[in-house]
Structure formats: structure tokens, C-alpha cells
Amino acid sequence: MPTRQPLTEQELLQIRTQWGSDRVVNTLLWEIARLRGAVRTLYARVLTVEGYIPQEVIVPDDDEVERLVEHEPAINDEIARKHAKTKRDAMNARELKRVARQTRN
């Protein structure tokens, strides 16, 4: 039995086209989009905060998190990368200082 792979954005659009106005399918597709948006936002925040962790603080590697980052479609597709970069760039200096201060404490 082959291992299941995450659905790509193209596959999700194909499901939407195939099932049309089915309420259950539309609800599930909406939920997938919402969760992927949440993952993208959290990933953008992690990237931002990571830049403010002092170099002398050593954060241990977590294999499970590394696997997730490598295989999660909400993170590794090109649109997600652009979204994460945009979110990171949009944070103002005051908010970045607040986050850095909280990280140190």
C-alpha cells in the first residue's frame, strides 16, 4: 500500500471542480485552506523570531519538526515561502523588539 502524500494546491482545486457545490466537500476544503494559512503564519513568525535569538543560545534540533518543515505543503511551496517572507517583512521594529525581549526572558 503506497504512503499517502499531502495534497497539492492543484489537487485541491481539482477536487473542488470535481465535486462542485457539495457542502461537505467545500467545508473540508475551506478547513484545509484555513489550517494551511495558520501553518504559514506560524512559520513566518518562527522565521522572524529565529533571527532575534542570540547566537550563543543553542536550540536543539528536533527531527520531527525538521521532517514537518521539509514535507508540509503549506511551508515548502513557493507561495508559502513568499507569504512567510511578506509576513516577516511586514512586522515593524517595535513588535520585533518586543518579541526579542520576550524570547530572552
PDB file of N, CA and C in Angstrom:
ATOM      1  N   MET A   1       0.842  -1.181   0.000  1.00  0.00           N
ATOM      2  CA  MET A   1       0.000   0.000   0.000  1.00  0.00           C
ATOM      3  C   MET A   1       0.893   1.251   0.000  1.00  0.00           C
ATOM      4  N   PRO A   2       0.733   2.128  -0.978  1.00  0.00           N
ATOM      5  CA  PRO A   2       1.590   3.318  -1.057  1.00  0.00           C
ATOM      6  C   PRO A   2       1.290   4.294   0.086  1.00  0.00           C
ATOM      7  N   THR A   3       2.318   5.031   0.451  1.00  0.00           N
ATOM      8  CA  THR A   3       2.162   6.024   1.509  1.00  0.00           C
ATOM      9  C   THR A   3       1.393   7.225   0.974  1.00  0.00           C
ATOM     10  N   ARG A   4       0.500   7.754   1.788  1.00  0.00           N
ATOM     11  CA  ARG A   4      -0.258   8.931   1.360  1.00  0.00           C
ATOM     12  C   ARG A   4       0.623  10.168   1.392  1.00  0.00           C
ATOM     13  N   GLN A   5       0.430  11.008   0.415  1.00  0.00           N
ATOM     14  CA  GLN A   5       1.171  12.254   0.307  1.00  0.00           C
ATOM     15  C   GLN A   5       0.213  13.423   0.536  1.00  0.00           C
ATOM     16  N   PRO A   6       0.709  14.550   1.059  1.00  0.00           N
ATOM     17  CA  PRO A   6      -0.161  15.719   1.217  1.00  0.00           C
ATOM     18  C   PRO A   6      -0.688  16.172  -0.146  1.00  0.00           C
ATOM     19  N   LEU A   7      -1.899  16.679  -0.148  1.00  0.00           N
ATOM     20  CA  LEU A   7      -2.495  17.172  -1.390  1.00  0.00           C
ATOM     21  C   LEU A   7      -1.852  18.490  -1.782  1.00  0.00           C
ATOM     22  N   THR A   8      -1.552  18.609  -3.070  1.00  0.00           N
ATOM     23  CA  THR A   8      -1.019  19.869  -3.567  1.00  0.00           C
ATOM     24  C   THR A   8      -2.172  20.843  -3.798  1.00  0.00           C
ATOM     25  N   GLU A   9      -1.834  22.086  -3.993  1.00  0.00           N
ATOM     26  CA  GLU A   9      -2.861  23.094  -4.257  1.00  0.00           C
ATOM     27  C   GLU A   9      -3.633  22.745  -5.529  1.00  0.00           C
ATOM     28  N   GLN A  10      -2.931  22.245  -6.532  1.00  0.00           N
ATOM     29  CA  GLN A  10      -3.573  21.858  -7.794  1.00  0.00           C
ATOM     30  C   GLN A  10      -4.569  20.724  -7.568  1.00  0.00           C
ATOM     31  N   GLU A  11      -4.202  19.744  -6.743  1.00  0.00           N
ATOM     32  CA  GLU A  11      -5.106  18.630  -6.453  1.00  0.00           C
ATOM     33  C   GLU A  11      -6.349  19.100  -5.697  1.00  0.00           C
ATOM     34  N   LEU A  12      -6.171  20.041  -4.793  1.00  0.00           N
ATOM     35  CA  LEU A  12      -7.317  20.580  -4.056  1.00  0.00           C
ATOM     36  C   LEU A  12      -8.273  21.314  -4.997  1.00  0.00           C
ATOM     37  N   LEU A  13      -7.709  22.062  -5.937  1.00  0.00           N
ATOM     38  CA  LEU A  13      -8.554  22.758  -6.919  1.00  0.00           C
ATOM     39  C   LEU A  13      -9.299  21.757  -7.797  1.00  0.00           C
ATOM     40  N   GLN A  14      -8.649  20.664  -8.134  1.00  0.00           N
ATOM     41  CA  GLN A  14      -9.286  19.624  -8.943  1.00  0.00           C
ATOM     42  C   GLN A  14     -10.456  18.991  -8.179  1.00  0.00           C
ATOM     43  N   ILE A  15     -10.273  18.756  -6.889  1.00  0.00           N
ATOM     44  CA  ILE A  15     -11.362  18.204  -6.063  1.00  0.00           C
ATOM     45  C   ILE A  15     -12.531  19.181  -6.021  1.00  0.00           C
ATOM     46  N   ARG A  16     -12.221  20.450  -5.863  1.00  0.00           N
ATOM     47  CA  ARG A  16     -13.276  21.474  -5.823  1.00  0.00           C
ATOM     48  C   ARG A  16     -14.068  21.484  -7.126  1.00  0.00           C
ATOM     49  N   THR A  17     -13.355  21.406  -8.255  1.00  0.00           N
ATOM     50  CA  THR A  17     -14.015  21.387  -9.559  1.00  0.00           C
ATOM     51  C   THR A  17     -14.851  20.120  -9.726  1.00  0.00           C
ATOM     52  N   GLN A  18     -14.308  18.992  -9.319  1.00  0.00           N
ATOM     53  CA  GLN A  18     -14.982  17.709  -9.489  1.00  0.00           C
ATOM     54  C   GLN A  18     -16.257  17.615  -8.652  1.00  0.00           C
ATOM     55  N   TRP A  19     -16.227  18.111  -7.426  1.00  0.00           N
ATOM     56  CA  TRP A  19     -17.366  17.954  -6.527  1.00  0.00           C
ATOM     57  C   TRP A  19     -18.331  19.128  -6.551  1.00  0.00           C
ATOM     58  N   GLY A  20     -17.954  20.223  -7.210  1.00  0.00           N
ATOM     59  CA  GLY A  20     -18.866  21.352  -7.388  1.00  0.00           C
ATOM     60  C   GLY A  20     -19.374  21.949  -6.092  1.00  0.00           C
ATOM     61  N   SER A  21     -20.682  21.913  -5.905  1.00  0.00           N
ATOM     62  CA  SER A  21     -21.287  22.629  -4.787  1.00  0.00           C
ATOM     63  C   SER A  21     -21.598  21.734  -3.586  1.00  0.00           C
ATOM     64  N   ASP A  22     -20.960  20.593  -3.472  1.00  0.00           N
ATOM     65  CA  ASP A  22     -21.173  19.718  -2.325  1.00  0.00           C
ATOM     66  C   ASP A  22     -20.731  20.449  -1.051  1.00  0.00           C
ATOM     67  N   ARG A  23     -21.659  20.644  -0.124  1.00  0.00           N
ATOM     68  CA  ARG A  23     -21.378  21.439   1.080  1.00  0.00           C
ATOM     69  C   ARG A  23     -20.302  20.824   1.954  1.00  0.00           C
ATOM     70  N   VAL A  24     -20.320  19.523   2.094  1.00  0.00           N
ATOM     71  CA  VAL A  24     -19.321  18.858   2.949  1.00  0.00           C
ATOM     72  C   VAL A  24     -17.930  19.027   2.355  1.00  0.00           C
ATOM     73  N   VAL A  25     -17.802  18.797   1.068  1.00  0.00           N
ATOM     74  CA  VAL A  25     -16.501  18.931   0.413  1.00  0.00           C
ATOM     75  C   VAL A  25     -16.016  20.374   0.508  1.00  0.00           C
ATOM     76  N   ASN A  26     -16.892  21.329   0.242  1.00  0.00           N
ATOM     77  CA  ASN A  26     -16.495  22.739   0.338  1.00  0.00           C
ATOM     78  C   ASN A  26     -16.082  23.111   1.759  1.00  0.00           C
ATOM     79  N   THR A  27     -16.766  22.563   2.753  1.00  0.00           N
ATOM     80  CA  THR A  27     -16.410  22.838   4.143  1.00  0.00           C
ATOM     81  C   THR A  27     -15.033  22.264   4.465  1.00  0.00           C
ATOM     82  N   LEU A  28     -14.774  21.039   4.014  1.00  0.00           N
ATOM     83  CA  LEU A  28     -13.470  20.427   4.265  1.00  0.00           C
ATOM     84  C   LEU A  28     -12.346  21.153   3.529  1.00  0.00           C
ATOM     85  N   LEU A  29     -12.599  21.579   2.305  1.00  0.00           N
ATOM     86  CA  LEU A  29     -11.585  22.335   1.561  1.00  0.00           C
ATOM     87  C   LEU A  29     -11.311  23.672   2.232  1.00  0.00           C
ATOM     88  N   TRP A  30     -12.360  24.309   2.747  1.00  0.00           N
ATOM     89  CA  TRP A  30     -12.177  25.566   3.466  1.00  0.00           C
ATOM     90  C   TRP A  30     -11.329  25.338   4.720  1.00  0.00           C
ATOM     91  N   GLU A  31     -11.602  24.244   5.424  1.00  0.00           N
ATOM     92  CA  GLU A  31     -10.845  23.934   6.643  1.00  0.00           C
ATOM     93  C   GLU A  31      -9.375  23.664   6.322  1.00  0.00           C
ATOM     94  N   ILE A  32      -9.112  22.967   5.234  1.00  0.00           N
ATOM     95  CA  ILE A  32      -7.729  22.735   4.810  1.00  0.00           C
ATOM     96  C   ILE A  32      -7.040  24.068   4.524  1.00  0.00           C
ATOM     97  N   ALA A  33      -7.721  24.953   3.801  1.00  0.00           N
ATOM     98  CA  ALA A  33      -7.144  26.263   3.486  1.00  0.00           C
ATOM     99  C   ALA A  33      -6.885  27.069   4.759  1.00  0.00           C
ATOM    100  N   ARG A  34      -7.809  27.007   5.706  1.00  0.00           N
ATOM    101  CA  ARG A  34      -7.649  27.746   6.960  1.00  0.00           C
ATOM    102  C   ARG A  34      -6.443  27.220   7.738  1.00  0.00           C
ATOM    103  N   LEU A  35      -6.322  25.903   7.832  1.00  0.00           N
ATOM    104  CA  LEU A  35      -5.206  25.320   8.577  1.00  0.00           C
ATOM    105  C   LEU A  35      -3.866  25.595   7.899  1.00  0.00           C
ATOM    106  N   ARG A  36      -3.847  25.527   6.574  1.00  0.00           N
ATOM    107  CA  ARG A  36      -2.600  25.848   5.869  1.00  0.00           C
ATOM    108  C   ARG A  36      -2.223  27.305   6.066  1.00  0.00           C
ATOM    109  N   GLY A  37      -3.226  28.178   6.112  1.00  0.00           N
ATOM    110  CA  GLY A  37      -2.949  29.589   6.402  1.00  0.00           C
ATOM    111  C   GLY A  37      -2.371  29.771   7.793  1.00  0.00           C
ATOM    112  N   ALA A  38      -2.884  29.018   8.755  1.00  0.00           N
ATOM    113  CA  ALA A  38      -2.368  29.095  10.120  1.00  0.00           C
ATOM    114  C   ALA A  38      -0.923  28.599  10.178  1.00  0.00           C
ATOM    115  N   VAL A  39      -0.638  27.514   9.460  1.00  0.00           N
ATOM    116  CA  VAL A  39       0.725  26.987   9.430  1.00  0.00           C
ATOM    117  C   VAL A  39       1.668  28.007   8.807  1.00  0.00           C
ATOM    118  N   ARG A  40       1.241  28.635   7.715  1.00  0.00           N
ATOM    119  CA  ARG A  40       2.081  29.653   7.054  1.00  0.00           C
ATOM    120  C   ARG A  40       2.367  30.820   7.997  1.00  0.00           C
ATOM    121  N   THR A  41       1.341  31.282   8.713  1.00  0.00           N
ATOM    122  CA  THR A  41       1.516  32.406   9.638  1.00  0.00           C
ATOM    123  C   THR A  41       2.476  32.033  10.762  1.00  0.00           C
ATOM    124  N   LEU A  42       2.296  30.861  11.347  1.00  0.00           N
ATOM    125  CA  LEU A  42       3.185  30.419  12.423  1.00  0.00           C
ATOM    126  C   LEU A  42       4.617  30.261  11.919  1.00  0.00           C
ATOM    127  N   TYR A  43       4.783  29.715  10.735  1.00  0.00           N
ATOM    128  CA  TYR A  43       6.115  29.546  10.171  1.00  0.00           C
ATOM    129  C   TYR A  43       6.778  30.906   9.940  1.00  0.00           C
ATOM    130  N   ALA A  44       6.019  31.872   9.447  1.00  0.00           N
ATOM    131  CA  ALA A  44       6.566  33.222   9.242  1.00  0.00           C
ATOM    132  C   ALA A  44       7.018  33.820  10.572  1.00  0.00           C
ATOM    133  N   ARG A  45       6.231  33.614  11.620  1.00  0.00           N
ATOM    134  CA  ARG A  45       6.613  34.129  12.952  1.00  0.00           C
ATOM    135  C   ARG A  45       7.864  33.438  13.471  1.00  0.00           C
ATOM    136  N   VAL A  46       7.964  32.130  13.261  1.00  0.00           N
ATOM    137  CA  VAL A  46       9.155  31.401  13.705  1.00  0.00           C
ATOM    138  C   VAL A  46      10.391  31.934  12.996  1.00  0.00           C
ATOM    139  N   LEU A  47      10.296  32.163  11.699  1.00  0.00           N
ATOM    140  CA  LEU A  47      11.433  32.702  10.954  1.00  0.00           C
ATOM    141  C   LEU A  47      11.838  34.067  11.484  1.00  0.00           C
ATOM    142  N   THR A  48      10.850  34.881  11.830  1.00  0.00           N
ATOM    143  CA  THR A  48      11.131  36.217  12.334  1.00  0.00           C
ATOM    144  C   THR A  48      11.818  36.158  13.688  1.00  0.00           C
ATOM    145  N   VAL A  49      11.260  35.383  14.596  1.00  0.00           N
ATOM    146  CA  VAL A  49      11.815  35.297  15.939  1.00  0.00           C
ATOM    147  C   VAL A  49      13.186  34.639  15.928  1.00  0.00           C
ATOM    148  N   GLU A  50      13.359  33.663  15.049  1.00  0.00           N
ATOM    149  CA  GLU A  50      14.632  32.955  14.957  1.00  0.00           C
ATOM    150  C   GLU A  50      15.799  33.910  14.689  1.00  0.00           C
ATOM    151  N   GLY A  51      15.539  34.960  13.925  1.00  0.00           N
ATOM    152  CA  GLY A  51      16.582  35.934  13.629  1.00  0.00           C
ATOM    153  C   GLY A  51      17.003  36.759  14.830  1.00  0.00           C
ATOM    154  N   TYR A  52      16.204  36.767  15.888  1.00  0.00           N
ATOM    155  CA  TYR A  52      16.496  37.560  17.069  1.00  0.00           C
ATOM    156  C   TYR A  52      16.987  36.733  18.249  1.00  0.00           C
ATOM    157  N   ILE A  53      17.161  35.443  18.048  1.00  0.00           N
ATOM    158  CA  ILE A  53      17.729  34.606  19.109  1.00  0.00           C
ATOM    159  C   ILE A  53      19.235  34.807  19.077  1.00  0.00           C
ATOM    160  N   PRO A  54      19.811  35.180  20.206  1.00  0.00           N
ATOM    161  CA  PRO A  54      21.268  35.386  20.224  1.00  0.00           C
ATOM    162  C   PRO A  54      22.007  34.129  19.771  1.00  0.00           C
ATOM    163  N   GLN A  55      23.128  34.337  19.103  1.00  0.00           N
ATOM    164  CA  GLN A  55      23.892  33.221  18.546  1.00  0.00           C
ATOM    165  C   GLN A  55      24.401  32.273  19.624  1.00  0.00           C
ATOM    166  N   GLU A  56      24.619  32.784  20.841  1.00  0.00           N
ATOM    167  CA  GLU A  56      25.155  31.919  21.890  1.00  0.00           C
ATOM    168  C   GLU A  56      24.096  30.975  22.473  1.00  0.00           C
ATOM    169  N   VAL A  57      22.816  31.241  22.198  1.00  0.00           N
ATOM    170  CA  VAL A  57      21.760  30.344  22.653  1.00  0.00           C
ATOM    171  C   VAL A  57      21.658  29.200  21.647  1.00  0.00           C
ATOM    172  N   ILE A  58      21.846  27.999  22.133  1.00  0.00           N
ATOM    173  CA  ILE A  58      21.811  26.839  21.247  1.00  0.00           C
ATOM    174  C   ILE A  58      20.447  26.181  21.383  1.00  0.00           C
ATOM    175  N   VAL A  59      19.726  26.122  20.276  1.00  0.00           N
ATOM    176  CA  VAL A  59      18.423  25.482  20.257  1.00  0.00           C
ATOM    177  C   VAL A  59      18.617  24.084  19.687  1.00  0.00           C
ATOM    178  N   PRO A  60      18.254  23.046  20.453  1.00  0.00           N
ATOM    179  CA  PRO A  60      18.474  21.682  19.948  1.00  0.00           C
ATOM    180  C   PRO A  60      17.616  21.396  18.716  1.00  0.00           C
ATOM    181  N   ASP A  61      18.164  20.606  17.815  1.00  0.00           N
ATOM    182  CA  ASP A  61      17.421  20.211  16.622  1.00  0.00           C
ATOM    183  C   ASP A  61      16.338  19.213  17.004  1.00  0.00           C
ATOM    184  N   ASP A  62      15.232  19.312  16.350  1.00  0.00           N
ATOM    185  CA  ASP A  62      14.128  18.396  16.581  1.00  0.00           C
ATOM    186  C   ASP A  62      13.821  17.722  15.249  1.00  0.00           C
ATOM    187  N   ASP A  63      14.106  16.421  15.167  1.00  0.00           N
ATOM    188  CA  ASP A  63      13.940  15.691  13.903  1.00  0.00           C
ATOM    189  C   ASP A  63      12.506  15.733  13.400  1.00  0.00           C
ATOM    190  N   GLU A  64      11.552  15.655  14.303  1.00  0.00           N
ATOM    191  CA  GLU A  64      10.148  15.652  13.904  1.00  0.00           C
ATOM    192  C   GLU A  64       9.758  16.990  13.272  1.00  0.00           C
ATOM    193  N   VAL A  65      10.238  18.082  13.854  1.00  0.00           N
ATOM    194  CA  VAL A  65       9.947  19.408  13.303  1.00  0.00           C
ATOM    195  C   VAL A  65      10.634  19.571  11.952  1.00  0.00           C
ATOM    196  N   GLU A  66      11.857  19.097  11.851  1.00  0.00           N
ATOM    197  CA  GLU A  66      12.575  19.184  10.583  1.00  0.00           C
ATOM    198  C   GLU A  66      11.837  18.439   9.473  1.00  0.00           C
ATOM    199  N   ARG A  67      11.328  17.237   9.776  1.00  0.00           N
ATOM    200  CA  ARG A  67      10.562  16.474   8.792  1.00  0.00           C
ATOM    201  C   ARG A  67       9.299  17.220   8.382  1.00  0.00           C
ATOM    202  N   LEU A  68       8.636  17.822   9.360  1.00  0.00           N
ATOM    203  CA  LEU A  68       7.419  18.574   9.068  1.00  0.00           C
ATOM    204  C   LEU A  68       7.715  19.745   8.144  1.00  0.00           C
ATOM    205  N   VAL A  69       8.765  20.484   8.437  1.00  0.00           N
ATOM    206  CA  VAL A  69       9.121  21.646   7.612  1.00  0.00           C
ATOM    207  C   VAL A  69       9.454  21.211   6.193  1.00  0.00           C
ATOM    208  N   GLU A  70      10.121  20.071   6.050  1.00  0.00           N
ATOM    209  CA  GLU A  70      10.506  19.602   4.713  1.00  0.00           C
ATOM    210  C   GLU A  70       9.313  19.117   3.889  1.00  0.00           C
ATOM    211  N   HIS A  71       8.288  18.556   4.538  1.00  0.00           N
ATOM    212  CA  HIS A  71       7.212  17.903   3.796  1.00  0.00           C
ATOM    213  C   HIS A  71       5.869  18.613   3.862  1.00  0.00           C
ATOM    214  N   GLU A  72       5.732  19.647   4.662  1.00  0.00           N
ATOM    215  CA  GLU A  72       4.442  20.327   4.794  1.00  0.00           C
ATOM    216  C   GLU A  72       4.203  21.231   3.591  1.00  0.00           C
ATOM    217  N   PRO A  73       3.136  20.981   2.810  1.00  0.00           N
ATOM    218  CA  PRO A  73       2.890  21.795   1.617  1.00  0.00           C
ATOM    219  C   PRO A  73       2.632  23.265   1.943  1.00  0.00           C
ATOM    220  N   ALA A  74       2.103  23.541   3.118  1.00  0.00           N
ATOM    221  CA  ALA A  74       1.835  24.933   3.483  1.00  0.00           C
ATOM    222  C   ALA A  74       3.128  25.705   3.706  1.00  0.00           C
ATOM    223  N   ILE A  75       4.231  25.002   3.898  1.00  0.00           N
ATOM    224  CA  ILE A  75       5.518  25.661   4.133  1.00  0.00           C
ATOM    225  C   ILE A  75       6.412  25.594   2.910  1.00  0.00           C
ATOM    226  N   ASN A  76       6.470  24.446   2.239  1.00  0.00           N
ATOM    227  CA  ASN A  76       7.511  24.273   1.228  1.00  0.00           C
ATOM    228  C   ASN A  76       7.129  24.655  -0.194  1.00  0.00           C
ATOM    229  N   ASP A  77       5.891  25.090  -0.435  1.00  0.00           N
ATOM    230  CA  ASP A  77       5.606  25.541  -1.795  1.00  0.00           C
ATOM    231  C   ASP A  77       6.003  27.011  -1.954  1.00  0.00           C
ATOM    232  N   GLU A  78       6.145  27.432  -3.168  1.00  0.00           N
ATOM    233  CA  GLU A  78       6.660  28.774  -3.464  1.00  0.00           C
ATOM    234  C   GLU A  78       5.764  29.872  -2.908  1.00  0.00           C
ATOM    235  N   ILE A  79       4.452  29.699  -2.995  1.00  0.00           N
ATOM    236  CA  ILE A  79       3.520  30.708  -2.481  1.00  0.00           C
ATOM    237  C   ILE A  79       3.698  30.859  -0.979  1.00  0.00           C
ATOM    238  N   ALA A  80       3.877  29.741  -0.270  1.00  0.00           N
ATOM    239  CA  ALA A  80       4.070  29.790   1.179  1.00  0.00           C
ATOM    240  C   ALA A  80       5.349  30.534   1.528  1.00  0.00           C
ATOM    241  N   ARG A  81       6.402  30.294   0.776  1.00  0.00           N
ATOM    242  CA  ARG A  81       7.668  30.992   1.051  1.00  0.00           C
ATOM    243  C   ARG A  81       7.509  32.497   0.864  1.00  0.00           C
ATOM    244  N   LYS A  82       6.832  32.888  -0.213  1.00  0.00           N
ATOM    245  CA  LYS A  82       6.605  34.314  -0.446  1.00  0.00           C
ATOM    246  C   LYS A  82       5.754  34.906   0.668  1.00  0.00           C
ATOM    247  N   HIS A  83       4.716  34.167   1.085  1.00  0.00           N
ATOM    248  CA  HIS A  83       3.826  34.624   2.152  1.00  0.00           C
ATOM    249  C   HIS A  83       4.600  34.794   3.457  1.00  0.00           C
ATOM    250  N   ALA A  84       5.459  33.827   3.789  1.00  0.00           N
ATOM    251  CA  ALA A  84       6.248  33.898   5.014  1.00  0.00           C
ATOM    252  C   ALA A  84       7.189  35.096   4.965  1.00  0.00           C
ATOM    253  N   LYS A  85       7.813  35.325   3.814  1.00  0.00           N
ATOM    254  CA  LYS A  85       8.730  36.460   3.678  1.00  0.00           C
ATOM    255  C   LYS A  85       7.970  37.778   3.808  1.00  0.00           C
ATOM    256  N   THR A  86       6.791  37.860   3.197  1.00  0.00           N
ATOM    257  CA  THR A  86       5.980  39.072   3.282  1.00  0.00           C
ATOM    258  C   THR A  86       5.563  39.345   4.720  1.00  0.00           C
ATOM    259  N   LYS A  87       5.103  38.315   5.424  1.00  0.00           N
ATOM    260  CA  LYS A  87       4.703  38.476   6.822  1.00  0.00           C
ATOM    261  C   LYS A  87       5.887  38.925   7.666  1.00  0.00           C
ATOM    262  N   ARG A  88       7.043  38.312   7.429  1.00  0.00           N
ATOM    263  CA  ARG A  88       8.235  38.650   8.199  1.00  0.00           C
ATOM    264  C   ARG A  88       8.628  40.102   7.956  1.00  0.00           C
ATOM    265  N   ASP A  89       8.595  40.522   6.704  1.00  0.00           N
ATOM    266  CA  ASP A  89       8.977  41.886   6.371  1.00  0.00           C
ATOM    267  C   ASP A  89       7.971  42.906   6.882  1.00  0.00           C
ATOM    268  N   ALA A  90       6.719  42.484   7.068  1.00  0.00           N
ATOM    269  CA  ALA A  90       5.680  43.418   7.479  1.00  0.00           C
ATOM    270  C   ALA A  90       5.731  43.759   8.968  1.00  0.00           C
ATOM    271  N   MET A  91       6.387  42.928   9.764  1.00  0.00           N
ATOM    272  CA  MET A  91       6.453  43.214  11.194  1.00  0.00           C
ATOM    273  C   MET A  91       7.281  44.483  11.414  1.00  0.00           C
ATOM    274  N   ASN A  92       6.759  45.386  12.236  1.00  0.00           N
ATOM    275  CA  ASN A  92       7.508  46.616  12.460  1.00  0.00           C
ATOM    276  C   ASN A  92       8.576  46.418  13.526  1.00  0.00           C
ATOM    277  N   ALA A  93       9.466  47.364  13.640  1.00  0.00           N
ATOM    278  CA  ALA A  93      10.616  47.249  14.537  1.00  0.00           C
ATOM    279  C   ALA A  93      10.187  47.126  15.996  1.00  0.00           C
ATOM    280  N   ARG A  94       9.140  47.838  16.375  1.00  0.00           N
ATOM    281  CA  ARG A  94       8.677  47.787  17.763  1.00  0.00           C
ATOM    282  C   ARG A  94       8.225  46.373  18.138  1.00  0.00           C
ATOM    283  N   GLU A  95       7.469  45.751  17.247  1.00  0.00           N
ATOM    284  CA  GLU A  95       6.993  44.402  17.515  1.00  0.00           C
ATOM    285  C   GLU A  95       8.157  43.410  17.561  1.00  0.00           C
ATOM    286  N   LEU A  96       9.134  43.586  16.679  1.00  0.00           N
ATOM    287  CA  LEU A  96      10.299  42.708  16.681  1.00  0.00           C
ATOM    288  C   LEU A  96      11.081  42.833  17.987  1.00  0.00           C
ATOM    289  N   LYS A  97      11.229  44.051  18.495  1.00  0.00           N
ATOM    290  CA  LYS A  97      11.932  44.244  19.767  1.00  0.00           C
ATOM    291  C   LYS A  97      11.169  43.584  20.904  1.00  0.00           C
ATOM    292  N   ARG A  98       9.830  43.695  20.883  1.00  0.00           N
ATOM    293  CA  ARG A  98       9.009  43.075  21.926  1.00  0.00           C
ATOM    294  C   ARG A  98       9.176  41.563  21.898  1.00  0.00           C
ATOM    295  N   VAL A  99       9.136  40.978  20.716  1.00  0.00           N
ATOM    296  CA  VAL A  99       9.295  39.534  20.573  1.00  0.00           C
ATOM    297  C   VAL A  99      10.680  39.099  21.035  1.00  0.00           C
ATOM    298  N   ALA A 100      11.709  39.846  20.660  1.00  0.00           N
ATOM    299  CA  ALA A 100      13.057  39.513  21.065  1.00  0.00           C
ATOM    300  C   ALA A 100      13.208  39.590  22.587  1.00  0.00           C
ATOM    301  N   ARG A 101      12.595  40.583  23.190  1.00  0.00           N
ATOM    302  CA  ARG A 101      12.645  40.742  24.646  1.00  0.00           C
ATOM    303  C   ARG A 101      11.959  39.558  25.337  1.00  0.00           C
ATOM    304  N   GLN A 102      10.810  39.155  24.815  1.00  0.00           N
ATOM    305  CA  GLN A 102      10.095  38.018  25.395  1.00  0.00           C
ATOM    306  C   GLN A 102      10.892  36.723  25.231  1.00  0.00           C
ATOM    307  N   THR A 103      11.562  36.587  24.126  1.00  0.00           N
ATOM    308  CA  THR A 103      12.355  35.384  23.871  1.00  0.00           C
ATOM    309  C   THR A 103      13.504  35.271  24.865  1.00  0.00           C
ATOM    310  N   ARG A 104      14.136  36.401  25.177  1.00  0.00           N
ATOM    311  CA  ARG A 104      15.261  36.394  26.115  1.00  0.00           C
ATOM    312  C   ARG A 104      14.828  36.095  27.543  1.00  0.00           C
ATOM    313  N   ASN A 105      13.601  36.477  27.893  1.00  0.00           N
ATOM    314  CA  ASN A 105      13.135  36.292  29.289  1.00  0.00           C
ATOM    315  C   ASN A 105      12.622  34.946  29.557  1.00  0.00           C
TER     316      ASN A 105
END
